[in-house]
Structure formats: structure tokens, C-alpha cells
Amino acid sequence: MRFALFLIASLFAVGVHAQGFPSKPIKVVVPSPPGGPPDLIIRMLTNNLSAQLGQPVVVENRPGGDSAIAAEQVTKMAPDGYTIFFGSNSAMTAAVALRRNPAYDPLKDFTPISMIGRATQVLFVHPDTPARTLQEFVAHARANPGKLNYGTGNPLSILYNVQLMGATGISMVHVPYKGEGPLTPDLVAGRVHSAILSNPSGFSLAKDGRLRPLAVLLDQRSPILPDVPTIIEAGVPEVSARHWAGIFGPPGMAGDVVARLNREIGAALKKPEVVEKLLTYGYAVETSTPARLLEINRDDLALWRRLVAQAGIALE
């Protein structure tokens, strides 16, 4: 009898908690500096979520560790829905696959909430580079082994470049950055010869002639840069680009709270102005159930672990 009363009271408490959520501001941890694609995208989303939820939804930028620092922080937060995470497959697959002893398990240490979308990745070079196509760039790099460098702002771009070098037989020097925000100016200035970016500023710089796009890492051409060939059209189909982002919470979040956040995120991402704005940031909106996000994360993690094993690379 006592157990039955306890169970009823517990269920009632959960229901009351879910109905009262949120009763205070929600924090979204973003694993990149201000100004980069994740920051721009999440601020667009949080502006709408704040209005929908009736509570401020604020952004906390926490770059470093190839997105792993922010991700690990979120795993240790209370599972009450008031701290959530902008998790792209940089943090949720690549950063884990690249480490021999990752600090967290993306499949067990997070609560999936919803997909947000998929990003457009573009291989850019500085305009002074004597190459107007990807094949010309490959020929230039082969003629100058170890003399060209490439910048990366996240673990995914590390793996994309490793794939590119492995598929073409070129050798370049790696220059890591804490996000695409600080990387892009160095590419424009010529301190870095090439970079794979999803940063919307890169698209604008390409249209202004300050960067030269060689290939889009998508199955189809991007409406943002319709004249730029896909990586397959450019002759390097071995490079696999599957850049996505979603919202995750700490492990053990209540199902009702997850459902509320999933519903509100989905509603925000259906707004035409949000869809259009995210497209200018290089993101095609894609929402999901929590279960589907977990499935995407699991499949992508398996893919990148295979790629890392094949390449024989690791960050530590």
C-alpha cells in the first residue's frame, strides 16, 4: 500500500514538474566562439524559443578541446532541462572517434532532444593559390609536398582533410583553430592556404572574391553557391561529409521535459523566416524525434570510428 501511494505521488510530482517547465531561464551551451555558424544558428533559435517558452533562453559559448570541453560540461549538469547542448557531429561523433580515451560517451551520457539541421561544408582556398579547381589544387599540392597548410576549426574538418589527403595522395601541414570564427580571417589573409568551412561569412567572402570555393561537400550543389561543383563532381568521391547538428541534454532527463523542448524546437524551426535565415547560414532545417536523433548519432559515430581506424589517427 505504501509503495502504491509512493508511486502515485512520484508520478504526480513528475507531472507537476513538467507542467511547470520552464520556470526559470534555460542555458544552451555552444562549443564554439561567438560569430561562428553554431553560435549564429543557436541564437536565431533561442530568440524564438524565448518567446515560445516565456522564459529567457541564453547562450553560453564554451570553445576549446575540439568541442569536447563543452560537451563534457553538459554531461555533469542536472537533468532538469535548464542546461542543454548544441551538439553537432563535431562533438557527438568526430571528437569522440578521434580520441583513444574520450571523456564521455555520446550515446549514453546525453539525452537526445531534436535535430536542427544539416550544414553545407565548402573547401575554400586563398585567391593567391594557383588553382581554380580541386584537381588543380591537388596538382599544386603534389608539386609542393609539405609546403601548403590547411586550417581546421572543429574535429569534422580534421577528418574531412585527412580523407582528402588520403584520397588524393597530397601532404599538407595542419593548423588547428578554436572554431571557424578565428580561422576565417587567417584564410582571407593568406596565413592559411585552404580550409573546409561551413561559416556563412565564407560564402559571402567567396562572392566578394576574397576566398575561392573549390568544392561543396554535399551530394547536390548548394543553392548558396550554385556554380561550385560538389566534391563528387570535382573528382574526389571518397570524401564523406555528413555534418549535422541537434539539441541534447544531460543524461536522465524526464520524458515530459524532453517532449516539451522537442515540440517547441520543432515549432520554431517551422517558421519560414527561421528556415530562410538558417539557409543563409548554410543550414538546411531538419527536425526529428529524440529516437531518430539517437539513431543518427549512433550511425555517424560508427562511420567516423571506421574512418579514424582506417587513417590510423588520434588526437591523444
Protein backbone atom coordinates (compact mmCIF):
# COMPACT_ATOMS: atom_id res chain seq x y z
CA MET A 1 0.00 0.00 0.00
CA ARG A 2 2.80 2.39 0.94
CA PHE A 3 4.62 1.60 -2.32
CA ALA A 4 1.47 2.28 -4.34
CA LEU A 5 0.98 5.63 -2.61
CA PHE A 6 4.66 6.48 -3.18
CA LEU A 7 4.39 5.60 -6.88
CA ILE A 8 1.25 7.73 -7.31
CA ALA A 9 2.91 10.64 -5.51
CA SER A 10 6.03 10.31 -7.67
CA LEU A 11 4.05 10.28 -10.90
CA PHE A 12 2.07 13.28 -9.74
CA ALA A 13 5.28 15.14 -8.91
CA VAL A 14 6.71 14.43 -12.36
CA GLY A 15 3.54 15.69 -13.99
CA VAL A 16 3.54 18.87 -11.93
CA HIS A 17 7.22 19.41 -12.74
CA ALA A 18 6.64 19.00 -16.47
CA GLN A 19 3.61 21.30 -16.43
CA GLY A 20 5.66 23.99 -14.65
CA PHE A 21 8.59 23.77 -17.05
CA PRO A 22 10.25 26.13 -17.63
CA SER A 23 10.06 28.31 -14.54
CA LYS A 24 13.46 29.96 -14.98
CA PRO A 25 15.95 30.76 -17.76
CA ILE A 26 17.35 27.95 -19.90
CA LYS A 27 21.02 27.89 -20.88
CA VAL A 28 22.26 26.49 -24.20
CA VAL A 29 25.95 25.58 -24.18
CA VAL A 30 27.61 26.12 -27.57
CA PRO A 31 31.07 24.58 -28.14
CA SER A 32 32.40 27.38 -30.33
CA PRO A 33 33.28 31.08 -30.09
CA PRO A 34 30.80 33.87 -30.84
CA GLY A 35 30.36 34.56 -34.53
CA GLY A 36 30.80 31.03 -35.84
CA PRO A 37 27.99 29.04 -37.51
CA PRO A 38 26.87 27.21 -34.35
CA ASP A 39 26.64 30.49 -32.45
CA LEU A 40 24.67 32.27 -35.20
CA ILE A 41 22.31 29.34 -35.66
CA ILE A 42 21.58 28.79 -32.00
CA ARG A 43 20.97 32.50 -31.33
CA MET A 44 18.37 32.50 -34.10
CA LEU A 45 16.71 29.51 -32.46
CA THR A 46 16.93 30.80 -28.89
CA ASN A 47 15.29 34.09 -29.80
CA ASN A 48 12.22 32.16 -30.91
CA LEU A 49 12.34 29.69 -28.03
CA SER A 50 12.43 32.52 -25.51
CA ALA A 51 9.18 33.92 -26.89
CA GLN A 52 7.54 30.49 -27.10
CA LEU A 53 8.56 29.30 -23.64
CA GLY A 54 8.02 32.58 -21.80
CA GLN A 55 11.50 32.36 -20.26
CA PRO A 56 14.88 33.65 -21.44
CA VAL A 57 16.91 31.07 -23.39
CA VAL A 58 20.51 32.24 -23.18
CA VAL A 59 23.68 31.14 -24.95
CA GLU A 60 26.92 30.22 -23.20
CA ASN A 61 29.89 29.95 -25.58
CA ARG A 62 32.45 27.42 -24.37
CA PRO A 63 35.01 26.73 -27.11
CA GLY A 64 38.04 24.51 -26.91
CA GLY A 65 39.04 20.88 -26.91
CA ASP A 66 37.52 20.35 -30.34
CA SER A 67 34.04 20.78 -28.81
CA ALA A 68 34.74 18.16 -26.13
CA ILE A 69 35.13 20.63 -23.23
CA ALA A 70 31.58 21.96 -23.59
CA ALA A 71 30.15 18.51 -24.20
CA GLU A 72 31.75 17.06 -21.08
CA GLN A 73 30.48 20.00 -19.01
CA VAL A 74 26.89 19.33 -20.05
CA THR A 75 27.09 15.65 -19.09
CA LYS A 76 27.66 16.73 -15.48
CA MET A 77 24.73 19.17 -15.26
CA ALA A 78 21.39 18.50 -13.57
CA PRO A 79 18.98 16.68 -15.94
CA ASP A 80 16.20 19.22 -15.36
CA GLY A 81 16.12 20.78 -18.85
CA TYR A 82 17.65 24.07 -17.78
CA THR A 83 21.02 23.30 -19.37
CA ILE A 84 21.03 21.91 -22.90
CA PHE A 85 23.69 21.50 -25.56
CA PHE A 86 24.14 22.44 -29.21
CA GLY A 87 25.74 19.19 -30.32
CA SER A 88 26.94 18.84 -33.87
CA ASN A 89 28.68 15.72 -35.03
CA SER A 90 31.93 17.51 -34.21
CA ALA A 91 31.28 16.96 -30.50
CA MET A 92 28.98 13.95 -30.77
CA THR A 93 30.98 11.81 -33.20
CA ALA A 94 34.28 13.19 -34.52
CA ALA A 95 35.76 14.42 -31.21
CA VAL A 96 34.96 11.05 -29.66
CA ALA A 97 36.18 8.96 -32.60
CA LEU A 98 39.46 10.86 -32.69
CA ARG A 99 40.33 10.17 -29.05
CA ARG A 100 41.68 6.98 -27.59
CA ASN A 101 40.11 7.76 -24.22
CA PRO A 102 37.17 10.16 -24.75
CA ALA A 103 35.79 11.86 -21.64
CA TYR A 104 32.20 10.95 -22.46
CA ASP A 105 30.04 8.51 -24.38
CA PRO A 106 27.74 10.47 -26.73
CA LEU A 107 25.20 7.63 -26.80
CA LYS A 108 24.97 7.10 -23.03
CA ASP A 109 25.92 10.42 -21.44
CA PHE A 110 23.34 12.64 -23.18
CA THR A 111 19.60 12.83 -23.65
CA PRO A 112 18.77 13.43 -27.34
CA ILE A 113 16.09 16.08 -27.87
CA SER A 114 15.85 17.10 -31.55
CA MET A 115 17.77 17.50 -34.76
CA ILE A 116 18.19 21.08 -36.01
CA GLY A 117 19.61 20.64 -39.50
CA ARG A 118 22.48 19.78 -41.79
CA ALA A 119 25.31 22.11 -42.74
CA THR A 120 26.93 22.99 -46.04
CA GLN A 121 30.69 22.33 -45.98
CA VAL A 122 32.84 24.04 -48.62
CA LEU A 123 36.52 23.65 -49.45
CA PHE A 124 37.99 27.15 -49.81
CA VAL A 125 41.45 28.32 -50.81
CA HIS A 126 43.07 31.74 -50.71
CA PRO A 127 42.70 33.52 -54.08
CA ASP A 128 46.50 33.71 -54.49
CA THR A 129 46.60 29.93 -54.68
CA PRO A 130 47.30 28.98 -58.33
CA ALA A 131 44.29 26.68 -58.57
CA ARG A 132 40.77 27.28 -59.80
CA THR A 133 39.56 23.70 -59.49
CA LEU A 134 40.04 20.98 -56.94
CA GLN A 135 42.10 18.92 -59.37
CA GLU A 136 44.39 21.91 -59.98
CA PHE A 137 44.76 22.36 -56.21
CA VAL A 138 45.66 18.68 -55.83
CA ALA A 139 48.29 19.02 -58.57
CA HIS A 140 49.69 22.15 -56.87
CA ALA A 141 49.88 20.38 -53.50
CA ARG A 142 51.58 17.34 -55.05
CA ALA A 143 54.18 19.62 -56.58
CA ASN A 144 54.79 21.24 -53.17
CA PRO A 145 54.62 18.43 -50.58
CA GLY A 146 54.54 19.72 -47.01
CA LYS A 147 54.67 23.37 -48.14
CA LEU A 148 50.93 24.09 -48.02
CA ASN A 149 48.90 24.24 -44.83
CA TYR A 150 45.25 23.77 -44.04
CA GLY A 151 43.26 25.22 -41.16
CA THR A 152 40.58 23.43 -39.16
CA GLY A 153 38.03 24.82 -36.72
CA ASN A 154 36.48 21.56 -35.50
CA PRO A 155 37.14 17.81 -35.43
CA LEU A 156 35.00 17.17 -38.50
CA SER A 157 37.15 19.37 -40.69
CA ILE A 158 40.19 17.47 -39.44
CA LEU A 159 38.67 14.22 -40.65
CA TYR A 160 37.48 15.72 -43.94
CA ASN A 161 41.01 16.94 -44.68
CA VAL A 162 42.51 13.59 -43.69
CA GLN A 163 40.09 11.94 -46.13
CA LEU A 164 41.02 14.45 -48.84
CA MET A 165 44.75 13.91 -48.40
CA GLY A 166 44.36 10.14 -48.26
CA ALA A 167 42.19 10.04 -51.38
CA THR A 168 44.49 12.30 -53.43
CA GLY A 169 47.90 11.42 -52.03
CA ILE A 170 48.78 15.00 -51.09
CA SER A 171 50.59 16.12 -47.93
CA MET A 172 49.78 19.39 -46.12
CA VAL A 173 50.54 20.87 -42.69
CA HIS A 174 47.69 21.03 -40.17
CA VAL A 175 46.96 24.35 -38.40
CA PRO A 176 44.20 23.91 -35.76
CA TYR A 177 41.94 26.75 -34.56
CA LYS A 178 39.34 27.03 -31.80
CA GLY A 179 36.44 27.40 -34.21
CA GLU A 180 35.82 28.71 -37.71
CA GLY A 181 35.40 32.28 -36.43
CA PRO A 182 39.15 32.82 -35.79
CA LEU A 183 40.16 30.59 -38.72
CA THR A 184 38.34 32.52 -41.46
CA PRO A 185 40.30 35.83 -41.15
CA ASP A 186 43.60 33.94 -41.38
CA LEU A 187 42.41 32.19 -44.53
CA VAL A 188 41.42 35.54 -46.04
CA ALA A 189 44.81 36.99 -45.07
CA GLY A 190 46.65 34.09 -46.70
CA ARG A 191 48.20 32.78 -43.50
CA VAL A 192 46.32 29.54 -44.21
CA HIS A 193 46.19 28.13 -47.73
CA SER A 194 42.97 26.11 -47.50
CA ALA A 195 40.12 25.26 -45.17
CA ILE A 196 36.83 23.39 -45.18
CA LEU A 197 34.25 25.77 -43.73
CA SER A 198 30.54 25.94 -43.01
CA ASN A 199 30.85 29.54 -41.83
CA PRO A 200 28.36 31.79 -43.67
CA SER A 201 30.97 34.53 -43.80
CA GLY A 202 32.94 32.21 -46.06
CA PHE A 203 30.07 32.15 -48.55
CA SER A 204 29.95 35.96 -48.61
CA LEU A 205 33.73 36.21 -48.93
CA ALA A 206 33.59 33.83 -51.87
CA LYS A 207 31.04 36.01 -53.63
CA ASP A 208 33.28 39.04 -52.98
CA GLY A 209 36.29 37.24 -54.45
CA ARG A 210 38.26 37.17 -51.18
CA LEU A 211 38.05 33.38 -50.97
CA ARG A 212 37.88 30.83 -53.77
CA PRO A 213 35.49 27.88 -53.33
CA LEU A 214 36.65 24.67 -55.00
CA ALA A 215 34.05 22.10 -53.95
CA VAL A 216 30.90 21.70 -51.86
CA LEU A 217 30.87 18.64 -49.61
CA LEU A 218 27.29 17.68 -50.41
CA ASP A 219 25.53 15.18 -52.63
CA GLN A 220 23.94 18.07 -54.54
CA ARG A 221 25.04 21.61 -55.32
CA SER A 222 24.22 24.22 -52.72
CA PRO A 223 21.69 26.97 -53.53
CA ILE A 224 24.06 29.36 -51.74
CA LEU A 225 26.93 28.64 -54.17
CA PRO A 226 25.19 27.06 -57.18
CA ASP A 227 28.19 27.40 -59.51
CA VAL A 228 30.51 25.43 -57.22
CA PRO A 229 30.76 21.70 -58.02
CA THR A 230 30.14 19.01 -55.44
CA ILE A 231 33.11 17.05 -54.15
CA ILE A 232 31.95 14.14 -56.32
CA GLU A 233 31.74 16.33 -59.42
CA ALA A 234 35.20 17.65 -58.57
CA GLY A 235 36.56 14.11 -58.75
CA VAL A 236 37.05 13.10 -55.09
CA PRO A 237 34.01 11.00 -54.12
CA GLU A 238 35.92 9.39 -51.24
CA VAL A 239 35.37 12.43 -49.00
CA SER A 240 32.26 11.77 -46.92
CA ALA A 241 30.58 14.86 -45.46
CA ARG A 242 27.64 14.37 -43.12
CA HIS A 243 27.60 17.50 -40.98
CA TRP A 244 24.50 17.73 -38.77
CA ALA A 245 23.54 19.43 -35.53
CA GLY A 246 20.99 18.78 -32.82
CA ILE A 247 19.99 19.66 -29.29
CA PHE A 248 20.95 17.34 -26.43
CA GLY A 249 20.57 17.42 -22.66
CA PRO A 250 22.35 15.77 -19.75
CA PRO A 251 21.62 12.09 -19.18
CA GLY A 252 18.41 11.11 -17.41
CA MET A 253 16.11 13.97 -18.42
CA ALA A 254 12.39 13.49 -17.74
CA GLY A 255 10.44 12.39 -20.79
CA ASP A 256 7.85 15.15 -20.43
CA VAL A 257 10.52 17.85 -20.38
CA VAL A 258 12.21 16.33 -23.43
CA ALA A 259 8.86 16.21 -25.23
CA ARG A 260 8.18 19.89 -24.42
CA LEU A 261 11.57 21.01 -25.70
CA ASN A 262 11.26 18.83 -28.79
CA ARG A 263 7.84 20.29 -29.55
CA GLU A 264 8.97 23.91 -29.11
CA ILE A 265 12.16 23.43 -31.15
CA GLY A 266 10.10 21.86 -33.93
CA ALA A 267 7.65 24.78 -33.86
CA ALA A 268 10.45 27.35 -34.04
CA LEU A 269 12.11 25.57 -36.96
CA LYS A 270 8.87 25.53 -38.96
CA LYS A 271 8.75 29.32 -39.15
CA PRO A 272 9.55 30.46 -42.71
CA GLU A 273 11.77 33.29 -41.52
CA VAL A 274 13.82 30.86 -39.42
CA VAL A 275 14.16 28.37 -42.29
CA GLU A 276 15.25 31.14 -44.66
CA LYS A 277 17.74 32.62 -42.20
CA LEU A 278 19.32 29.28 -41.38
CA LEU A 279 19.73 28.63 -45.10
CA THR A 280 21.81 31.82 -45.35
CA TYR A 281 23.95 30.34 -42.57
CA GLY A 282 24.43 27.22 -44.67
CA TYR A 283 21.98 25.04 -42.72
CA ALA A 284 19.06 23.11 -44.16
CA VAL A 285 16.47 22.66 -41.40
CA GLU A 286 15.77 19.09 -40.34
CA THR A 287 13.92 18.23 -37.14
CA SER A 288 13.48 14.79 -35.61
CA THR A 289 12.19 12.76 -32.72
CA PRO A 290 14.65 12.10 -29.89
CA ALA A 291 14.83 8.46 -31.00
CA ARG A 292 15.76 9.45 -34.56
CA LEU A 293 18.49 11.80 -33.30
CA LEU A 294 19.96 8.96 -31.26
CA GLU A 295 19.92 6.74 -34.35
CA ILE A 296 21.66 9.38 -36.48
CA ASN A 297 24.28 9.88 -33.77
CA ARG A 298 24.90 6.13 -33.40
CA ASP A 299 25.27 5.54 -37.15
CA ASP A 300 27.56 8.54 -37.62
CA LEU A 301 29.77 7.57 -34.68
CA ALA A 302 30.26 4.11 -36.17
CA LEU A 303 31.18 5.67 -39.53
CA TRP A 304 33.79 8.02 -38.08
CA ARG A 305 35.32 5.33 -35.88
CA ARG A 306 35.87 3.27 -39.03
CA LEU A 307 37.42 6.26 -40.81
CA VAL A 308 39.75 7.05 -37.91
CA ALA A 309 40.82 3.40 -37.68
CA GLN A 310 41.48 3.26 -41.41
CA ALA A 311 43.50 6.50 -41.31
CA GLY A 312 45.37 5.48 -38.15
CA ILE A 313 44.96 8.88 -36.49
CA ALA A 314 44.12 10.04 -32.98
CA LEU A 315 44.41 13.30 -31.06
CA GLU A 316 45.78 11.71 -27.90
